Amino acid sequence: MAKKKKVITTKLKARKGTHGDYIENFRVIQNLKATMKDSVNWEQLPLEQKESLEMIAVKVGRVLSGDFDVADHWEDIEGYSHLISQDL
């Protein structure tokens, strides 16, 4: 169990550098999601579009709270957008 705890602690420290402080990150993400859900079109969106927008909000939160130069954040935003655009 101690080894697993060390692995998790190491991973969390690394993620703090790329994703930012988790409390700040979650604050930003929840504010973004609340704004999206408060929009006039939210209820009309199909589930896959809602989910993609929520996942994009997570990635935007990481950009705004963590290391904004991590390509993976931007590639994920591109990926979720691409999945929806393929369906349209």
C-alpha atoms as a PDB file:
ATOM      1  CA  MET A   1       0.000   0.000   0.000  1.00  0.00           C
ATOM      2  CA  ALA A   2       2.868   2.407   0.732  1.00  0.00           C
ATOM      3  CA  LYS A   3       4.253   1.912  -2.782  1.00  0.00           C
ATOM      4  CA  LYS A   4       0.861   2.730  -4.330  1.00  0.00           C
ATOM      5  CA  LYS A   5       0.585   5.862  -2.173  1.00  0.00           C
ATOM      6  CA  LYS A   6       4.047   6.973  -3.323  1.00  0.00           C
ATOM      7  CA  VAL A   7       3.083   6.431  -6.983  1.00  0.00           C
ATOM      8  CA  ILE A   8      -0.089   8.472  -6.541  1.00  0.00           C
ATOM      9  CA  THR A   9       1.767  11.246  -4.711  1.00  0.00           C
ATOM     10  CA  THR A  10       4.404  11.393  -7.448  1.00  0.00           C
ATOM     11  CA  LYS A  11       1.745  11.502 -10.155  1.00  0.00           C
ATOM     12  CA  LEU A  12      -0.190  14.256  -8.358  1.00  0.00           C
ATOM     13  CA  LYS A  13       2.949  16.389  -8.029  1.00  0.00           C
ATOM     14  CA  ALA A  14       3.665  16.006 -11.734  1.00  0.00           C
ATOM     15  CA  ARG A  15       0.068  16.826 -12.658  1.00  0.00           C
ATOM     16  CA  LYS A  16       0.128  19.945 -10.484  1.00  0.00           C
ATOM     17  CA  GLY A  17       2.811  21.269 -12.810  1.00  0.00           C
ATOM     18  CA  THR A  18       0.824  20.613 -15.967  1.00  0.00           C
ATOM     19  CA  HIS A  19      -2.757  20.873 -14.702  1.00  0.00           C
ATOM     20  CA  GLY A  20      -2.327  23.455 -11.938  1.00  0.00           C
ATOM     21  CA  ASP A  21      -3.569  23.440  -8.363  1.00  0.00           C
ATOM     22  CA  TYR A  22      -6.624  21.208  -8.304  1.00  0.00           C
ATOM     23  CA  ILE A  23      -8.786  23.581  -6.241  1.00  0.00           C
ATOM     24  CA  GLU A  24      -8.088  26.485  -8.623  1.00  0.00           C
ATOM     25  CA  ASN A  25      -8.521  24.193 -11.608  1.00  0.00           C
ATOM     26  CA  PHE A  26     -11.888  22.902 -10.407  1.00  0.00           C
ATOM     27  CA  ARG A  27     -13.031  26.453  -9.596  1.00  0.00           C
ATOM     28  CA  VAL A  28     -12.276  27.595 -13.145  1.00  0.00           C
ATOM     29  CA  ILE A  29     -13.821  24.485 -14.714  1.00  0.00           C
ATOM     30  CA  GLN A  30     -17.012  24.690 -12.660  1.00  0.00           C
ATOM     31  CA  ASN A  31     -17.394  28.383 -13.519  1.00  0.00           C
ATOM     32  CA  LEU A  32     -16.981  27.601 -17.221  1.00  0.00           C
ATOM     33  CA  LYS A  33     -19.528  24.783 -17.040  1.00  0.00           C
ATOM     34  CA  ALA A  34     -22.013  26.961 -15.133  1.00  0.00           C
ATOM     35  CA  THR A  35     -21.714  29.640 -17.812  1.00  0.00           C
ATOM     36  CA  MET A  36     -22.291  27.081 -20.559  1.00  0.00           C
ATOM     37  CA  LYS A  37     -25.322  25.624 -18.796  1.00  0.00           C
ATOM     38  CA  ASP A  38     -26.745  29.116 -18.342  1.00  0.00           C
ATOM     39  CA  SER A  39     -26.771  29.734 -22.106  1.00  0.00           C
ATOM     40  CA  VAL A  40     -29.938  29.819 -24.189  1.00  0.00           C
ATOM     41  CA  ASN A  41     -28.937  26.796 -26.311  1.00  0.00           C
ATOM     42  CA  TRP A  42     -27.678  24.408 -23.628  1.00  0.00           C
ATOM     43  CA  GLU A  43     -30.904  22.426 -23.221  1.00  0.00           C
ATOM     44  CA  GLN A  44     -31.273  21.955 -26.982  1.00  0.00           C
ATOM     45  CA  LEU A  45     -27.788  20.549 -27.506  1.00  0.00           C
ATOM     46  CA  PRO A  46     -27.443  16.807 -28.128  1.00  0.00           C
ATOM     47  CA  LEU A  47     -25.716  14.887 -25.321  1.00  0.00           C
ATOM     48  CA  GLU A  48     -22.511  14.376 -27.318  1.00  0.00           C
ATOM     49  CA  GLN A  49     -22.192  18.127 -27.915  1.00  0.00           C
ATOM     50  CA  LYS A  50     -22.792  18.872 -24.221  1.00  0.00           C
ATOM     51  CA  GLU A  51     -20.201  16.312 -23.189  1.00  0.00           C
ATOM     52  CA  SER A  52     -17.651  17.570 -25.701  1.00  0.00           C
ATOM     53  CA  LEU A  53     -18.130  21.132 -24.477  1.00  0.00           C
ATOM     54  CA  GLU A  54     -17.736  19.989 -20.873  1.00  0.00           C
ATOM     55  CA  MET A  55     -14.536  18.118 -21.735  1.00  0.00           C
ATOM     56  CA  ILE A  56     -13.266  21.188 -23.577  1.00  0.00           C
ATOM     57  CA  ALA A  57     -14.022  23.198 -20.412  1.00  0.00           C
ATOM     58  CA  VAL A  58     -11.805  20.790 -18.451  1.00  0.00           C
ATOM     59  CA  LYS A  59      -8.973  21.297 -20.923  1.00  0.00           C
ATOM     60  CA  VAL A  60      -9.458  25.080 -20.931  1.00  0.00           C
ATOM     61  CA  GLY A  61      -9.369  24.967 -17.132  1.00  0.00           C
ATOM     62  CA  ARG A  62      -6.015  23.210 -17.298  1.00  0.00           C
ATOM     63  CA  VAL A  63      -4.696  25.829 -19.711  1.00  0.00           C
ATOM     64  CA  LEU A  64      -5.869  28.647 -17.443  1.00  0.00           C
ATOM     65  CA  SER A  65      -4.743  27.040 -14.181  1.00  0.00           C
ATOM     66  CA  GLY A  66      -1.698  25.008 -15.129  1.00  0.00           C
ATOM     67  CA  ASP A  67       0.966  24.992 -17.801  1.00  0.00           C
ATOM     68  CA  PHE A  68      -0.568  26.633 -20.863  1.00  0.00           C
ATOM     69  CA  ASP A  69       2.269  25.364 -23.063  1.00  0.00           C
ATOM     70  CA  VAL A  70       1.336  21.687 -22.696  1.00  0.00           C
ATOM     71  CA  ALA A  71       0.401  20.603 -26.211  1.00  0.00           C
ATOM     72  CA  ASP A  72      -1.816  17.794 -24.906  1.00  0.00           C
ATOM     73  CA  HIS A  73      -4.340  20.305 -23.507  1.00  0.00           C
ATOM     74  CA  TRP A  74      -4.673  21.979 -26.903  1.00  0.00           C
ATOM     75  CA  GLU A  75      -4.713  18.697 -28.812  1.00  0.00           C
ATOM     76  CA  ASP A  76      -7.534  17.417 -26.609  1.00  0.00           C
ATOM     77  CA  ILE A  77      -9.559  20.590 -27.273  1.00  0.00           C
ATOM     78  CA  GLU A  78      -8.968  20.064 -30.979  1.00  0.00           C
ATOM     79  CA  GLY A  79      -9.915  16.403 -30.689  1.00  0.00           C
ATOM     80  CA  TYR A  80     -13.250  16.981 -28.944  1.00  0.00           C
ATOM     81  CA  SER A  81     -14.127  19.688 -31.477  1.00  0.00           C
ATOM     82  CA  HIS A  82     -13.133  17.424 -34.346  1.00  0.00           C
ATOM     83  CA  LEU A  83     -15.331  14.570 -33.107  1.00  0.00           C
ATOM     84  CA  ILE A  84     -18.380  16.824 -33.150  1.00  0.00           C
ATOM     85  CA  SER A  85     -17.542  18.422 -36.481  1.00  0.00           C
ATOM     86  CA  GLN A  86     -17.270  14.949 -38.047  1.00  0.00           C
ATOM     87  CA  ASP A  87     -20.846  14.212 -36.956  1.00  0.00           C
ATOM     88  CA  LEU A  88     -22.274  17.465 -38.333  1.00  0.00           C
END
